[in-house]
Every structure is written in structure tokens, then in C-alpha cells.
Amino acid sequence: MSNPDSFIDEVTEEVRRDRLFAAFRKYGWIGGLLVIGVVGGAAYTEWSKAQAANRAQAFGDAMLDAMDLGAPEDRAAALAAIPADGGQAALKALMQATDASGVAGGDKAASLAALDALIADATQPQVYRDLAVLRRVLLAGADQPVADRRAALEAIAAPGRAFRPLAAEQLAYLLIEDGKTDDAIAALAALMQDQAAPAGLRARAGQMITALGGTPPDVTPAADAG
């Protein structure tokens, strides 16, 4: 053996290889389980997404089919039969309340009760509960004291709430109802300059200011686009 160091290196390498193979034989099943887990988890995630998408589409189709029915009692029965939970239940409740109150001879009390139930349901997304508050104020109208409507609207007119501009618009109308024309004009003028307010809302605010005898503020295109 002219090169003992090389021989020793080869033997050492062979021993290491044998140990590695032995380790694979002994613990390789762990790696297999990990691979199966990763692949299985990814497959389940994709399956769950597909199931959620199919369920959402089925819910939407059922809602549209129900609202296409001509007779109010047929729509009510069809809506009631649609399975829903979570956010879908909130949307269903809003649709039921709106449809029931919007037809001739609709049960306004039942619609208000349905909206109250949704507003009080803390398990529902806040955005749907806020929409129910807004819808309830509009539906109740003069049957509900101005102070109660104002308190409900102020709660959803706070910064960061989804329907803040719409609630602010209704608060301005309550000022008109109270006979506070100047305050109403000021509130509507602020809405016209509110970049978070939809264009349609700002247009309505300008028209109302004019109807009240005021002068709408000059909203420049640059500020409006921002």
C-alpha cells in the first residue's frame, strides 16, 4: 500500500456511507411522513378553497333566483329556505328585511325585528351590522325618535367605519328635520369635500345645499381626485 492515507480516507468514506444508508433505513419513514403531510396539506387547502368558492356561488345563485320570483310570499319562502351561516346569514337577513319592507303591504315590524337581531349578533362581521343599522334608520323613518336615529348613526359615522359617509349624510338630514338649516348646510358642505364620500353622495349633498338656499363649496378636480 503505497498510499496509506488514501486507503484510510476511502475506508472512512465507506463507513460514513454505510452509516448514512443505515440512518435512511432507520429514520427515512419520518421524511416520508413529512412529504405526505406537506402534499396532503396543500391538497386539502386547495380542496377547501374550491369548496368555499362553490358554496359561495351556490348561495349567490340561490339568492338571485329567489329575488327573481314575482310574488312577495314566494320570494320570502325561497329566501327562508336558502342555507346560510356566518357572513352569508347576515347578507340573507339584510335581503329578507329589505324585501319584506319594500313590497306593498310589507311587514315593516318584522323587517325591523330582523335588522335588530342582526345588529345585536356579535358573531357577524361589523360591516354587515353597520349596514343593518343604516338600513334600520332609513326603514324606521319618523316612527323612530330623532334622538334615537342620531345615536344609531353617530355610532357608525366614526372614522374608519365602512359606511361613515352615508351615516354622515343621514345625520345632516336629521339636522334639517330638526330645523337646523345652517348646521345642515355646513355638514353637507363638509361631505362634499370628503374624499372618502362617493361621487353620487357628494352630488346629492350639493343639490341639497342649493335646495336649502346655500352655496355649495367649490370642490376642485385635484382635491376631488385625491
Protein backbone atom coordinates (compact mmCIF):
# COMPACT_ATOMS: atom_id res chain seq x y z
CA MET A 1 0.00 0.00 0.00
CA SER A 2 1.94 2.91 -1.31
CA ASN A 3 -0.61 5.46 -0.15
CA PRO A 4 -1.96 4.53 3.29
CA ASP A 5 -3.62 7.93 3.77
CA SER A 6 -5.69 7.47 0.62
CA PHE A 7 -6.70 3.97 1.71
CA ILE A 8 -7.76 5.25 5.14
CA ASP A 9 -9.80 8.06 3.51
CA GLU A 10 -11.58 5.56 1.29
CA VAL A 11 -12.40 3.31 4.23
CA THR A 12 -13.60 6.28 6.26
CA GLU A 13 -15.81 7.44 3.39
CA GLU A 14 -17.25 3.95 3.03
CA VAL A 15 -18.04 3.82 6.76
CA ARG A 16 -19.76 7.18 6.54
CA ARG A 17 -21.78 6.00 3.56
CA ASP A 18 -22.84 2.86 5.41
CA ARG A 19 -23.89 4.92 8.40
CA LEU A 20 -25.88 7.32 6.18
CA PHE A 21 -27.70 4.43 4.50
CA ALA A 22 -28.40 2.89 7.89
CA ALA A 23 -29.81 6.21 9.08
CA PHE A 24 -32.03 6.41 6.00
CA ARG A 25 -33.28 2.89 6.63
CA LYS A 26 -33.96 3.65 10.26
CA TYR A 27 -35.42 7.17 10.03
CA GLY A 28 -36.42 7.54 6.39
CA TRP A 29 -40.08 6.94 7.24
CA ILE A 30 -40.08 10.28 9.10
CA GLY A 31 -39.14 12.14 5.93
CA GLY A 32 -41.80 10.20 4.06
CA LEU A 33 -44.42 11.27 6.57
CA LEU A 34 -43.30 14.88 6.27
CA VAL A 35 -43.60 14.76 2.49
CA ILE A 36 -47.03 13.15 2.72
CA GLY A 37 -48.07 15.78 5.26
CA VAL A 38 -46.96 18.68 3.10
CA VAL A 39 -48.57 17.30 -0.03
CA GLY A 40 -51.73 16.33 1.82
CA GLY A 41 -51.97 19.74 3.49
CA ALA A 42 -51.62 21.54 0.18
CA ALA A 43 -54.24 19.31 -1.41
CA TYR A 44 -56.65 19.89 1.48
CA THR A 45 -56.13 23.65 1.27
CA GLU A 46 -56.93 23.66 -2.43
CA TRP A 47 -59.96 21.42 -1.84
CA SER A 48 -61.21 23.74 0.92
CA LYS A 49 -60.82 26.77 -1.34
CA ALA A 50 -62.75 25.05 -4.11
CA GLN A 51 -65.49 24.02 -1.70
CA ALA A 52 -65.78 27.58 -0.34
CA ALA A 53 -65.94 29.04 -3.85
CA ASN A 54 -68.60 26.54 -4.90
CA ARG A 55 -70.62 27.22 -1.78
CA ALA A 56 -70.41 30.99 -2.28
CA GLN A 57 -71.51 30.65 -5.90
CA ALA A 58 -74.40 28.39 -4.94
CA PHE A 59 -75.50 30.86 -2.26
CA GLY A 60 -75.35 33.79 -4.65
CA ASP A 61 -77.24 31.91 -7.36
CA ALA A 62 -79.93 30.88 -4.88
CA MET A 63 -80.33 34.46 -3.66
CA LEU A 64 -80.66 35.79 -7.21
CA ASP A 65 -83.14 33.06 -8.14
CA ALA A 66 -85.23 33.86 -5.06
CA MET A 67 -85.29 37.59 -5.77
CA ASP A 68 -86.39 36.90 -9.37
CA LEU A 69 -89.66 35.40 -8.13
CA GLY A 70 -92.59 37.72 -8.70
CA ALA A 71 -94.82 37.14 -5.70
CA PRO A 72 -93.60 38.52 -2.34
CA GLU A 73 -94.65 35.38 -0.49
CA ASP A 74 -92.75 33.21 -2.98
CA ARG A 75 -89.61 35.33 -2.53
CA ALA A 76 -89.93 35.16 1.24
CA ALA A 77 -90.30 31.38 1.19
CA ALA A 78 -87.39 30.95 -1.20
CA LEU A 79 -85.12 33.21 0.82
CA ALA A 80 -86.00 31.43 4.05
CA ALA A 81 -85.12 28.06 2.50
CA ILE A 82 -81.58 29.09 1.50
CA PRO A 83 -78.98 27.56 3.88
CA ALA A 84 -76.60 30.17 5.25
CA ASP A 85 -74.22 30.77 8.13
CA GLY A 86 -71.60 33.33 9.08
CA GLY A 87 -71.46 36.30 6.75
CA GLN A 88 -73.95 34.64 4.40
CA ALA A 89 -76.55 34.63 7.18
CA ALA A 90 -76.03 38.38 7.60
CA LEU A 91 -76.50 39.02 3.89
CA LYS A 92 -79.57 36.83 3.86
CA ALA A 93 -81.08 38.69 6.83
CA LEU A 94 -80.43 42.05 5.17
CA MET A 95 -82.04 40.87 1.94
CA GLN A 96 -85.05 39.44 3.76
CA ALA A 97 -85.60 42.63 5.74
CA THR A 98 -85.23 44.86 2.70
CA ASP A 99 -87.50 42.77 0.51
CA ALA A 100 -90.20 42.39 3.15
CA SER A 101 -90.35 46.13 3.79
CA GLY A 102 -90.15 47.14 0.15
CA VAL A 103 -93.30 45.45 -1.15
CA ALA A 104 -96.84 46.71 -0.87
CA GLY A 105 -98.24 45.69 2.47
CA GLY A 106 -94.81 44.53 3.62
CA ASP A 107 -94.37 43.69 7.28
CA LYS A 108 -92.32 46.66 8.47
CA ALA A 109 -92.29 45.47 12.08
CA ALA A 110 -90.90 42.09 11.06
CA SER A 111 -88.22 43.77 8.95
CA LEU A 112 -87.19 46.00 11.85
CA ALA A 113 -87.06 42.98 14.16
CA ALA A 114 -84.85 41.09 11.69
CA LEU A 115 -82.50 44.06 11.43
CA ASP A 116 -82.39 44.40 15.22
CA ALA A 117 -81.42 40.74 15.51
CA LEU A 118 -78.59 41.19 13.04
CA ILE A 119 -77.36 44.36 14.75
CA ALA A 120 -77.24 42.54 18.09
CA ASP A 121 -75.46 39.46 16.71
CA ALA A 122 -71.82 39.96 17.73
CA THR A 123 -70.77 36.91 15.70
CA GLN A 124 -71.47 38.73 12.45
CA PRO A 125 -68.91 40.93 10.67
CA GLN A 126 -69.09 44.55 11.81
CA VAL A 127 -69.58 45.81 8.26
CA TYR A 128 -72.88 43.90 7.94
CA ARG A 129 -74.06 45.04 11.34
CA ASP A 130 -73.29 48.66 10.42
CA LEU A 131 -75.22 48.25 7.18
CA ALA A 132 -78.15 46.87 9.19
CA VAL A 133 -78.03 49.96 11.44
CA LEU A 134 -78.14 52.25 8.42
CA ARG A 135 -80.93 50.27 6.82
CA ARG A 136 -82.93 50.27 10.05
CA VAL A 137 -82.73 54.04 10.43
CA LEU A 138 -83.91 54.53 6.86
CA LEU A 139 -86.71 52.00 7.27
CA ALA A 140 -87.93 53.31 10.63
CA GLY A 141 -88.01 56.92 9.46
CA ALA A 142 -90.15 59.27 11.50
CA ASP A 143 -91.53 56.34 13.50
CA GLN A 144 -88.27 56.39 15.45
CA PRO A 145 -87.39 59.48 17.55
CA VAL A 146 -84.76 61.74 16.03
CA ALA A 147 -82.53 61.32 19.08
CA ASP A 148 -82.53 57.54 18.70
CA ARG A 149 -81.78 57.72 14.98
CA ARG A 150 -78.98 60.19 15.64
CA ALA A 151 -77.41 57.97 18.31
CA ALA A 152 -77.52 54.96 15.98
CA LEU A 153 -75.99 56.88 13.08
CA GLU A 154 -73.27 58.51 15.16
CA ALA A 155 -72.06 55.07 16.19
CA ILE A 156 -71.38 54.09 12.57
CA ALA A 157 -70.19 57.56 11.49
CA ALA A 158 -66.95 57.20 13.45
CA PRO A 159 -63.66 57.36 11.49
CA GLY A 160 -62.73 54.05 9.91
CA ARG A 161 -66.26 52.66 9.72
CA ALA A 162 -67.28 51.36 6.30
CA PHE A 163 -70.45 53.43 5.97
CA ARG A 164 -69.21 56.62 7.63
CA PRO A 165 -70.04 58.97 4.69
CA LEU A 166 -73.55 57.55 4.28
CA ALA A 167 -74.19 57.85 8.01
CA ALA A 168 -72.90 61.44 7.94
CA GLU A 169 -75.31 62.22 5.11
CA GLN A 170 -78.25 60.91 7.13
CA LEU A 171 -77.08 62.90 10.16
CA ALA A 172 -77.19 66.03 8.01
CA TYR A 173 -80.77 65.21 7.03
CA LEU A 174 -81.66 64.88 10.71
CA LEU A 175 -80.40 68.43 11.21
CA ILE A 176 -82.83 69.53 8.51
CA GLU A 177 -85.59 67.62 10.29
CA ASP A 178 -84.66 69.49 13.47
CA GLY A 179 -84.89 72.81 11.63
CA LYS A 180 -81.15 73.50 11.91
CA THR A 181 -80.66 74.57 8.32
CA ASP A 182 -77.31 76.32 8.75
CA ASP A 183 -75.83 73.33 10.59
CA ALA A 184 -77.16 71.02 7.89
CA ILE A 185 -75.59 73.11 5.13
CA ALA A 186 -72.25 73.07 6.96
CA ALA A 187 -72.43 69.29 7.40
CA LEU A 188 -73.32 68.75 3.74
CA ALA A 189 -70.53 71.10 2.62
CA ALA A 190 -68.06 69.05 4.66
CA LEU A 191 -69.34 65.90 2.95
CA MET A 192 -68.79 67.47 -0.48
CA GLN A 193 -65.13 67.91 0.43
CA ASP A 194 -64.81 64.46 1.98
CA GLN A 195 -62.65 62.41 -0.39
CA ALA A 196 -63.96 59.18 1.13
CA ALA A 197 -67.52 60.05 0.07
CA PRO A 198 -68.74 58.53 -3.21
CA ALA A 199 -69.28 60.93 -6.11
CA GLY A 200 -73.02 60.34 -6.08
CA LEU A 201 -73.25 61.23 -2.40
CA ARG A 202 -71.28 64.45 -2.92
CA ALA A 203 -73.56 65.36 -5.82
CA ARG A 204 -76.63 64.82 -3.62
CA ALA A 205 -75.07 66.96 -0.90
CA GLY A 206 -74.52 69.82 -3.37
CA GLN A 207 -78.10 69.60 -4.62
CA MET A 208 -79.43 69.63 -1.08
CA ILE A 209 -77.32 72.67 -0.16
CA THR A 210 -78.77 74.52 -3.15
CA ALA A 211 -82.30 73.46 -2.19
CA LEU A 212 -81.70 74.81 1.31
CA GLY A 213 -80.65 78.17 -0.10
CA GLY A 214 -76.93 77.75 0.43
CA THR A 215 -73.99 77.79 -1.94
CA PRO A 216 -72.13 74.52 -2.48
CA PRO A 217 -68.37 74.76 -1.90
CA ASP A 218 -66.08 74.83 -4.91
CA VAL A 219 -64.59 71.35 -5.00
CA THR A 220 -61.57 71.46 -7.29
CA PRO A 221 -60.85 68.46 -9.54
CA ALA A 222 -57.47 67.90 -7.85
CA ALA A 223 -58.98 67.67 -4.39
CA ASP A 224 -61.84 65.54 -5.72
CA ALA A 225 -59.49 63.03 -7.31
CA GLY A 226 -57.30 62.69 -4.26
